Each structure stands twice: as structure tokens, then as C-alpha cells.
Amino acid sequence: MAYPAKYPQLNETELTEHARDLLVRVIRVAFPHPTFPDSPYQRTANIILEESKSSTWLRVTLTQGLLTLDSLSAGDFTALDEDQATAVLRSIEHTDFFGFIRRTTVLNLYDDPEVWQAVGYEGSSFELGGYVHRGFNDLDWVPEPLIEEPADVPFSPLPGLKRPQTGAVRIPAASATASAAGATGDGTPISTNQPGELAASHEGVER
């Protein structure tokens, strides 16, 4: 970074028109969107300049950063091509200067109505009654849903699927007769595996 001791002009915190153009270029390189017009980038740069007026520290940080970019770019950052400009920004991406630009841009560039129009965002719908009656389901980039099964496609359950057990078990007639007597044909007691059976047997209750 450039510092006031080396660059006395940093004591002047009023940014020039070149500084504004340089800031617009920084935002455009850091957030490249070929379909975006210049005006949202210019408005975002104006917001950053206004934000910098809130404290001397921000003004000096912004001034230092912009002068540093020019010093790293043979005198004029705006004259660099995209790859060269990106490389310069990567070299200072961890500085307070670039962090200030990045967070302010994220909050304001994508909140610009002209950017919404460029990306196809219709904006807030709350004050217009919501999206339900304003094209909520007008997805024109997906095929129409299949709402009827074609007659020539046979339907069959997935292999391996079995009907779920409901708990009711059919007992053969001979077993049912023995069950009524409380035992099988050889005298072995039949358990119905009903809830409470074990507890009832311990309490001496005949089932």
C-alpha cells in the first residue's frame, strides 16, 4: 500500500474524477458481468465515495488503495486489460481497501433495479400481493409436467416390493379350533403374541 509519508498528496482526502473512474474500473473487474451496463457500476462507485466520507480513516484507506493500484499498473490501472487488472487486484485482495470495496459493492450493486432487469429478477413482490398471482409457476425453461399416464406404458410395482403387514394373521381352521381350547393338537399352549399377554400370565389371569 502507498502511505502518506511517501505520497504527501494522500493528505488530500478529496478524490478526483480520475479516482472515481478508477473505482468504477475496479468494481467492474472485481465483479465482471458483461451484460451489466456501466450505470450500476457508476452508482455503486458513488455509494462507496459517499461511504468514505463517513470517516477520515475510510477516506485515507480509499485514497491509498487507488494510488497503490496506479503505482502497481505502470501509472494507470484503467489502461490495463482484464487479465492484467485482475492480477493486480488479486495482489491486494487481502487489504482493508479491497475489503471495503468488496462488501460495499456486494450490498449495493446487486440491489440496483437496472441489475435486476439485466438478470431477469422482477424485484420485491410483497407490495404487489406476492408471487402467487404474478407468474409464480411460469417456468419456461423446463418441459411441461406429465399429468396423464400414457396408455402404451404398462404400470407395475417396483420389483421386490411387498404388501405391508397390517398385524392381522389368517389362522387355519384346525389351528383356530385348537387356539380356542388354548393348546395345539399335541397339548402345547398357543401364544398369540398379543400385548399384555406376558404380564397377564404373571398376574394369574387366564387368557
C-alpha atoms as a PDB file:
ATOM      1  CA  MET A   1       0.000   0.000   0.000  1.00  0.00           C
ATOM      2  CA  ALA A   2       1.003   3.627  -0.506  1.00  0.00           C
ATOM      3  CA  TYR A   3       1.385   5.703   2.631  1.00  0.00           C
ATOM      4  CA  PRO A   4       1.281   9.463   3.323  1.00  0.00           C
ATOM      5  CA  ALA A   5       4.966   9.595   4.218  1.00  0.00           C
ATOM      6  CA  LYS A   6       5.823   8.540   0.670  1.00  0.00           C
ATOM      7  CA  TYR A   7       2.898  10.250  -1.055  1.00  0.00           C
ATOM      8  CA  PRO A   8       2.115  13.621   0.584  1.00  0.00           C
ATOM      9  CA  GLN A   9      -0.913  14.005  -1.707  1.00  0.00           C
ATOM     10  CA  LEU A  10      -2.662  11.405   0.441  1.00  0.00           C
ATOM     11  CA  ASN A  11      -3.285  14.139   2.972  1.00  0.00           C
ATOM     12  CA  GLU A  12      -5.833  15.453   0.476  1.00  0.00           C
ATOM     13  CA  THR A  13      -8.833  13.238   1.056  1.00  0.00           C
ATOM     14  CA  GLU A  14     -10.932  14.748  -1.732  1.00  0.00           C
ATOM     15  CA  LEU A  15     -10.964  12.182  -4.516  1.00  0.00           C
ATOM     16  CA  THR A  16     -10.537  13.348  -8.095  1.00  0.00           C
ATOM     17  CA  GLU A  17     -12.578  12.419 -11.161  1.00  0.00           C
ATOM     18  CA  HIS A  18      -9.782  10.056 -12.176  1.00  0.00           C
ATOM     19  CA  ALA A  19     -10.146   8.358  -8.798  1.00  0.00           C
ATOM     20  CA  ARG A  20     -13.847   7.877  -9.476  1.00  0.00           C
ATOM     21  CA  ASP A  21     -13.163   6.397 -12.926  1.00  0.00           C
ATOM     22  CA  LEU A  22     -10.530   4.162 -11.367  1.00  0.00           C
ATOM     23  CA  LEU A  23     -13.006   2.990  -8.734  1.00  0.00           C
ATOM     24  CA  VAL A  24     -15.599   2.161 -11.407  1.00  0.00           C
ATOM     25  CA  ARG A  25     -12.961   0.122 -13.220  1.00  0.00           C
ATOM     26  CA  VAL A  26     -12.037  -1.722 -10.007  1.00  0.00           C
ATOM     27  CA  ILE A  27     -15.661  -2.692  -9.394  1.00  0.00           C
ATOM     28  CA  ARG A  28     -16.144  -3.786 -12.999  1.00  0.00           C
ATOM     29  CA  VAL A  29     -13.035  -6.024 -12.872  1.00  0.00           C
ATOM     30  CA  ALA A  30     -13.816  -7.436  -9.428  1.00  0.00           C
ATOM     31  CA  PHE A  31     -17.453  -8.147 -10.338  1.00  0.00           C
ATOM     32  CA  PRO A  32     -17.389  -8.890 -14.083  1.00  0.00           C
ATOM     33  CA  HIS A  33     -20.805  -9.123 -15.715  1.00  0.00           C
ATOM     34  CA  PRO A  34     -20.711  -8.493 -19.469  1.00  0.00           C
ATOM     35  CA  THR A  35     -24.481  -7.989 -19.619  1.00  0.00           C
ATOM     36  CA  PHE A  36     -24.489  -5.246 -16.971  1.00  0.00           C
ATOM     37  CA  PRO A  37     -24.453  -1.676 -18.277  1.00  0.00           C
ATOM     38  CA  ASP A  38     -21.999   0.876 -16.874  1.00  0.00           C
ATOM     39  CA  SER A  39     -24.559   2.859 -14.884  1.00  0.00           C
ATOM     40  CA  PRO A  40     -24.963   0.347 -11.989  1.00  0.00           C
ATOM     41  CA  TYR A  41     -21.182   0.255 -11.566  1.00  0.00           C
ATOM     42  CA  GLN A  42     -21.071   4.053 -11.576  1.00  0.00           C
ATOM     43  CA  ARG A  43     -23.832   4.283  -8.985  1.00  0.00           C
ATOM     44  CA  THR A  44     -22.051   1.753  -6.812  1.00  0.00           C
ATOM     45  CA  ALA A  45     -18.836   3.774  -7.061  1.00  0.00           C
ATOM     46  CA  ASN A  46     -20.756   6.875  -5.965  1.00  0.00           C
ATOM     47  CA  ILE A  47     -22.086   4.981  -2.948  1.00  0.00           C
ATOM     48  CA  ILE A  48     -18.551   3.924  -1.998  1.00  0.00           C
ATOM     49  CA  LEU A  49     -17.359   7.518  -2.295  1.00  0.00           C
ATOM     50  CA  GLU A  50     -20.228   8.676  -0.078  1.00  0.00           C
ATOM     51  CA  GLU A  51     -19.475   5.930   2.447  1.00  0.00           C
ATOM     52  CA  SER A  52     -15.843   7.018   2.570  1.00  0.00           C
ATOM     53  CA  LYS A  53     -16.951  10.476   3.740  1.00  0.00           C
ATOM     54  CA  SER A  54     -18.229   8.997   6.981  1.00  0.00           C
ATOM     55  CA  SER A  55     -14.718   8.776   8.459  1.00  0.00           C
ATOM     56  CA  THR A  56     -11.225  10.052   7.781  1.00  0.00           C
ATOM     57  CA  TRP A  57      -9.900   6.504   8.066  1.00  0.00           C
ATOM     58  CA  LEU A  58     -12.112   5.310   5.202  1.00  0.00           C
ATOM     59  CA  ARG A  59     -11.192   8.286   3.032  1.00  0.00           C
ATOM     60  CA  VAL A  60      -7.481   7.755   3.575  1.00  0.00           C
ATOM     61  CA  THR A  61      -7.840   3.994   3.045  1.00  0.00           C
ATOM     62  CA  LEU A  62      -9.661   4.546  -0.237  1.00  0.00           C
ATOM     63  CA  THR A  63      -7.193   7.181  -1.408  1.00  0.00           C
ATOM     64  CA  GLN A  64      -4.209   4.999  -0.522  1.00  0.00           C
ATOM     65  CA  GLY A  65      -5.704   2.000  -2.263  1.00  0.00           C
ATOM     66  CA  LEU A  66      -6.459   3.798  -5.505  1.00  0.00           C
ATOM     67  CA  LEU A  67      -2.985   5.350  -5.647  1.00  0.00           C
ATOM     68  CA  THR A  68      -1.482   1.934  -4.959  1.00  0.00           C
ATOM     69  CA  LEU A  69      -3.401   0.435  -7.893  1.00  0.00           C
ATOM     70  CA  ASP A  70      -1.995   3.048 -10.242  1.00  0.00           C
ATOM     71  CA  SER A  71       1.504   2.514  -8.879  1.00  0.00           C
ATOM     72  CA  LEU A  72       1.188  -1.242  -9.489  1.00  0.00           C
ATOM     73  CA  SER A  73      -0.093  -0.644 -13.026  1.00  0.00           C
ATOM     74  CA  ALA A  74       2.666   1.489 -14.542  1.00  0.00           C
ATOM     75  CA  GLY A  75       0.762   4.623 -13.653  1.00  0.00           C
ATOM     76  CA  ASP A  76      -2.790   3.895 -14.837  1.00  0.00           C
ATOM     77  CA  PHE A  77      -4.894   0.953 -13.677  1.00  0.00           C
ATOM     78  CA  THR A  78      -7.686   1.861 -16.098  1.00  0.00           C
ATOM     79  CA  ALA A  79      -5.355   1.204 -19.063  1.00  0.00           C
ATOM     80  CA  LEU A  80      -4.846  -2.476 -18.154  1.00  0.00           C
ATOM     81  CA  ASP A  81      -6.691  -5.272 -19.920  1.00  0.00           C
ATOM     82  CA  GLU A  82      -8.943  -7.655 -17.986  1.00  0.00           C
ATOM     83  CA  ASP A  83      -6.277 -10.252 -17.145  1.00  0.00           C
ATOM     84  CA  GLN A  84      -3.700  -7.673 -16.064  1.00  0.00           C
ATOM     85  CA  ALA A  85      -6.225  -5.750 -13.971  1.00  0.00           C
ATOM     86  CA  THR A  86      -7.431  -8.961 -12.296  1.00  0.00           C
ATOM     87  CA  ALA A  87      -3.849  -9.920 -11.418  1.00  0.00           C
ATOM     88  CA  VAL A  88      -3.286  -6.519  -9.778  1.00  0.00           C
ATOM     89  CA  LEU A  89      -6.484  -6.813  -7.743  1.00  0.00           C
ATOM     90  CA  ARG A  90      -5.507 -10.305  -6.588  1.00  0.00           C
ATOM     91  CA  SER A  91      -2.263  -8.886  -5.261  1.00  0.00           C
ATOM     92  CA  ILE A  92      -4.152  -6.529  -2.908  1.00  0.00           C
ATOM     93  CA  GLU A  93      -7.291  -8.603  -2.237  1.00  0.00           C
ATOM     94  CA  HIS A  94      -6.471  -9.022   1.472  1.00  0.00           C
ATOM     95  CA  THR A  95      -6.126  -5.287   2.179  1.00  0.00           C
ATOM     96  CA  ASP A  96      -8.647  -3.149   4.061  1.00  0.00           C
ATOM     97  CA  PHE A  97      -9.051  -1.093   0.914  1.00  0.00           C
ATOM     98  CA  PHE A  98     -10.257  -4.007  -1.196  1.00  0.00           C
ATOM     99  CA  GLY A  99     -12.375  -5.397   1.654  1.00  0.00           C
ATOM    100  CA  PHE A 100     -14.186  -2.058   1.918  1.00  0.00           C
ATOM    101  CA  ILE A 101     -14.901  -2.034  -1.821  1.00  0.00           C
ATOM    102  CA  ARG A 102     -15.978  -5.688  -1.888  1.00  0.00           C
ATOM    103  CA  ARG A 103     -18.502  -5.575   0.957  1.00  0.00           C
ATOM    104  CA  THR A 104     -19.986  -2.242  -0.158  1.00  0.00           C
ATOM    105  CA  THR A 105     -20.324  -3.479  -3.737  1.00  0.00           C
ATOM    106  CA  VAL A 106     -21.992  -6.748  -2.750  1.00  0.00           C
ATOM    107  CA  LEU A 107     -24.618  -4.864  -0.764  1.00  0.00           C
ATOM    108  CA  ASN A 108     -25.358  -2.256  -3.433  1.00  0.00           C
ATOM    109  CA  LEU A 109     -24.523  -3.454  -6.954  1.00  0.00           C
ATOM    110  CA  TYR A 110     -26.962  -6.361  -6.781  1.00  0.00           C
ATOM    111  CA  ASP A 111     -29.620  -4.160  -5.222  1.00  0.00           C
ATOM    112  CA  ASP A 112     -29.726  -1.926  -8.285  1.00  0.00           C
ATOM    113  CA  PRO A 113     -33.016  -2.190 -10.276  1.00  0.00           C
ATOM    114  CA  GLU A 114     -31.088  -1.994 -13.551  1.00  0.00           C
ATOM    115  CA  VAL A 115     -29.110  -5.068 -12.480  1.00  0.00           C
ATOM    116  CA  TRP A 116     -32.374  -6.834 -11.606  1.00  0.00           C
ATOM    117  CA  GLN A 117     -33.590  -6.178 -15.127  1.00  0.00           C
ATOM    118  CA  ALA A 118     -30.337  -7.499 -16.601  1.00  0.00           C
ATOM    119  CA  VAL A 119     -30.590 -10.807 -14.709  1.00  0.00           C
ATOM    120  CA  GLY A 120     -34.374 -11.192 -15.101  1.00  0.00           C
ATOM    121  CA  TYR A 121     -35.274 -10.557 -11.448  1.00  0.00           C
ATOM    122  CA  GLU A 122     -38.649  -8.861 -11.078  1.00  0.00           C
ATOM    123  CA  GLY A 123     -37.841  -7.356  -7.715  1.00  0.00           C
ATOM    124  CA  SER A 124     -39.797  -7.435  -4.497  1.00  0.00           C
ATOM    125  CA  SER A 125     -43.349  -8.736  -4.887  1.00  0.00           C
ATOM    126  CA  PHE A 126     -44.620  -8.224  -1.349  1.00  0.00           C
ATOM    127  CA  GLU A 127     -46.129  -4.813  -2.007  1.00  0.00           C
ATOM    128  CA  LEU A 128     -47.756  -6.193  -5.178  1.00  0.00           C
ATOM    129  CA  GLY A 129     -49.553  -9.051  -3.445  1.00  0.00           C
ATOM    130  CA  GLY A 130     -46.863 -11.717  -3.640  1.00  0.00           C
ATOM    131  CA  TYR A 131     -45.799 -14.044  -6.433  1.00  0.00           C
ATOM    132  CA  VAL A 132     -48.767 -16.444  -6.415  1.00  0.00           C
ATOM    133  CA  HIS A 133     -50.772 -14.431  -8.936  1.00  0.00           C
ATOM    134  CA  ARG A 134     -47.777 -12.879 -10.707  1.00  0.00           C
ATOM    135  CA  GLY A 135     -46.215 -15.789 -12.566  1.00  0.00           C
ATOM    136  CA  PHE A 136     -45.058 -17.884  -9.630  1.00  0.00           C
ATOM    137  CA  ASN A 137     -45.099 -21.055 -11.757  1.00  0.00           C
ATOM    138  CA  ASP A 138     -44.214 -19.647 -15.179  1.00  0.00           C
ATOM    139  CA  LEU A 139     -41.066 -21.726 -15.550  1.00  0.00           C
ATOM    140  CA  ASP A 140     -40.465 -21.659 -19.290  1.00  0.00           C
ATOM    141  CA  TRP A 141     -37.085 -23.422 -19.237  1.00  0.00           C
ATOM    142  CA  VAL A 142     -38.403 -26.840 -18.085  1.00  0.00           C
ATOM    143  CA  PRO A 143     -40.656 -29.249 -20.023  1.00  0.00           C
ATOM    144  CA  GLU A 144     -44.356 -29.458 -19.292  1.00  0.00           C
ATOM    145  CA  PRO A 145     -45.107 -31.939 -16.482  1.00  0.00           C
ATOM    146  CA  LEU A 146     -46.618 -35.333 -17.363  1.00  0.00           C
ATOM    147  CA  ILE A 147     -50.106 -35.259 -15.856  1.00  0.00           C
ATOM    148  CA  GLU A 148     -51.534 -38.400 -17.514  1.00  0.00           C
ATOM    149  CA  GLU A 149     -50.031 -41.848 -17.837  1.00  0.00           C
ATOM    150  CA  PRO A 150     -49.646 -42.874 -21.479  1.00  0.00           C
ATOM    151  CA  ALA A 151     -51.787 -45.894 -22.406  1.00  0.00           C
ATOM    152  CA  ASP A 152     -48.922 -47.741 -24.097  1.00  0.00           C
ATOM    153  CA  VAL A 153     -46.716 -47.759 -20.974  1.00  0.00           C
ATOM    154  CA  PRO A 154     -47.597 -50.696 -18.657  1.00  0.00           C
ATOM    155  CA  PHE A 155     -47.606 -49.960 -14.963  1.00  0.00           C
ATOM    156  CA  SER A 156     -46.226 -52.432 -12.466  1.00  0.00           C
ATOM    157  CA  PRO A 157     -44.987 -52.090  -8.904  1.00  0.00           C
ATOM    158  CA  LEU A 158     -41.284 -51.888  -8.317  1.00  0.00           C
ATOM    159  CA  PRO A 159     -39.593 -55.291  -8.060  1.00  0.00           C
ATOM    160  CA  GLY A 160     -39.127 -56.526  -4.541  1.00  0.00           C
ATOM    161  CA  LEU A 161     -41.978 -54.509  -3.066  1.00  0.00           C
ATOM    162  CA  LYS A 162     -44.246 -56.457  -0.717  1.00  0.00           C
ATOM    163  CA  ARG A 163     -47.593 -55.576   0.702  1.00  0.00           C
ATOM    164  CA  PRO A 164     -47.097 -54.183   4.218  1.00  0.00           C
ATOM    165  CA  GLN A 165     -48.258 -56.375   7.084  1.00  0.00           C
ATOM    166  CA  THR A 166     -51.243 -54.984   8.960  1.00  0.00           C
ATOM    167  CA  GLY A 167     -50.931 -57.239  12.006  1.00  0.00           C
ATOM    168  CA  ALA A 168     -53.923 -59.430  11.167  1.00  0.00           C
ATOM    169  CA  VAL A 169     -52.904 -63.033  10.500  1.00  0.00           C
ATOM    170  CA  ARG A 170     -55.228 -65.639   8.970  1.00  0.00           C
ATOM    171  CA  ILE A 171     -55.245 -68.776  11.155  1.00  0.00           C
ATOM    172  CA  PRO A 172     -56.156 -72.138   9.617  1.00  0.00           C
ATOM    173  CA  ALA A 173     -59.427 -73.646  10.838  1.00  0.00           C
ATOM    174  CA  ALA A 174     -57.724 -76.544  12.657  1.00  0.00           C
ATOM    175  CA  SER A 175     -55.371 -74.159  14.423  1.00  0.00           C
ATOM    176  CA  ALA A 176     -58.243 -71.828  15.290  1.00  0.00           C
ATOM    177  CA  THR A 177     -60.114 -74.692  16.965  1.00  0.00           C
ATOM    178  CA  ALA A 178     -57.032 -75.604  18.945  1.00  0.00           C
ATOM    179  CA  SER A 179     -56.475 -71.962  19.796  1.00  0.00           C
ATOM    180  CA  ALA A 180     -59.968 -71.764  21.254  1.00  0.00           C
ATOM    181  CA  ALA A 181     -59.009 -74.613  23.527  1.00  0.00           C
ATOM    182  CA  GLY A 182     -55.786 -72.859  24.471  1.00  0.00           C
ATOM    183  CA  ALA A 183     -53.455 -75.516  23.025  1.00  0.00           C
ATOM    184  CA  THR A 184     -52.268 -77.161  19.834  1.00  0.00           C
ATOM    185  CA  GLY A 185     -53.127 -80.715  18.893  1.00  0.00           C
ATOM    186  CA  ASP A 186     -50.224 -82.040  20.946  1.00  0.00           C
ATOM    187  CA  GLY A 187     -51.197 -80.024  24.006  1.00  0.00           C
ATOM    188  CA  THR A 188     -48.627 -77.233  23.567  1.00  0.00           C
ATOM    189  CA  PRO A 189     -50.052 -73.846  24.654  1.00  0.00           C
ATOM    190  CA  ILE A 190     -50.522 -71.381  21.835  1.00  0.00           C
ATOM    191  CA  SER A 191     -49.133 -67.864  22.178  1.00  0.00           C
ATOM    192  CA  THR A 192     -50.984 -65.160  20.332  1.00  0.00           C
ATOM    193  CA  ASN A 193     -48.164 -62.643  20.897  1.00  0.00           C
ATOM    194  CA  GLN A 194     -50.712 -60.066  21.959  1.00  0.00           C
ATOM    195  CA  PRO A 195     -49.618 -57.070  24.047  1.00  0.00           C
ATOM    196  CA  GLY A 196     -50.020 -57.681  27.753  1.00  0.00           C
ATOM    197  CA  GLU A 197     -50.103 -61.467  27.413  1.00  0.00           C
ATOM    198  CA  LEU A 198     -46.906 -61.982  29.356  1.00  0.00           C
ATOM    199  CA  ALA A 199     -47.949 -59.580  32.092  1.00  0.00           C
ATOM    200  CA  ALA A 200     -51.370 -61.175  32.323  1.00  0.00           C
ATOM    201  CA  SER A 201     -49.881 -64.637  32.679  1.00  0.00           C
ATOM    202  CA  HIS A 202     -47.731 -63.425  35.552  1.00  0.00           C
ATOM    203  CA  GLU A 203     -50.775 -61.973  37.236  1.00  0.00           C
ATOM    204  CA  GLY A 204     -52.565 -65.324  37.052  1.00  0.00           C
ATOM    205  CA  VAL A 205     -55.128 -64.153  34.560  1.00  0.00           C
ATOM    206  CA  GLU A 206     -56.296 -66.876  32.226  1.00  0.00           C
ATOM    207  CA  ARG A 207     -56.422 -65.852  28.582  1.00  0.00           C
END
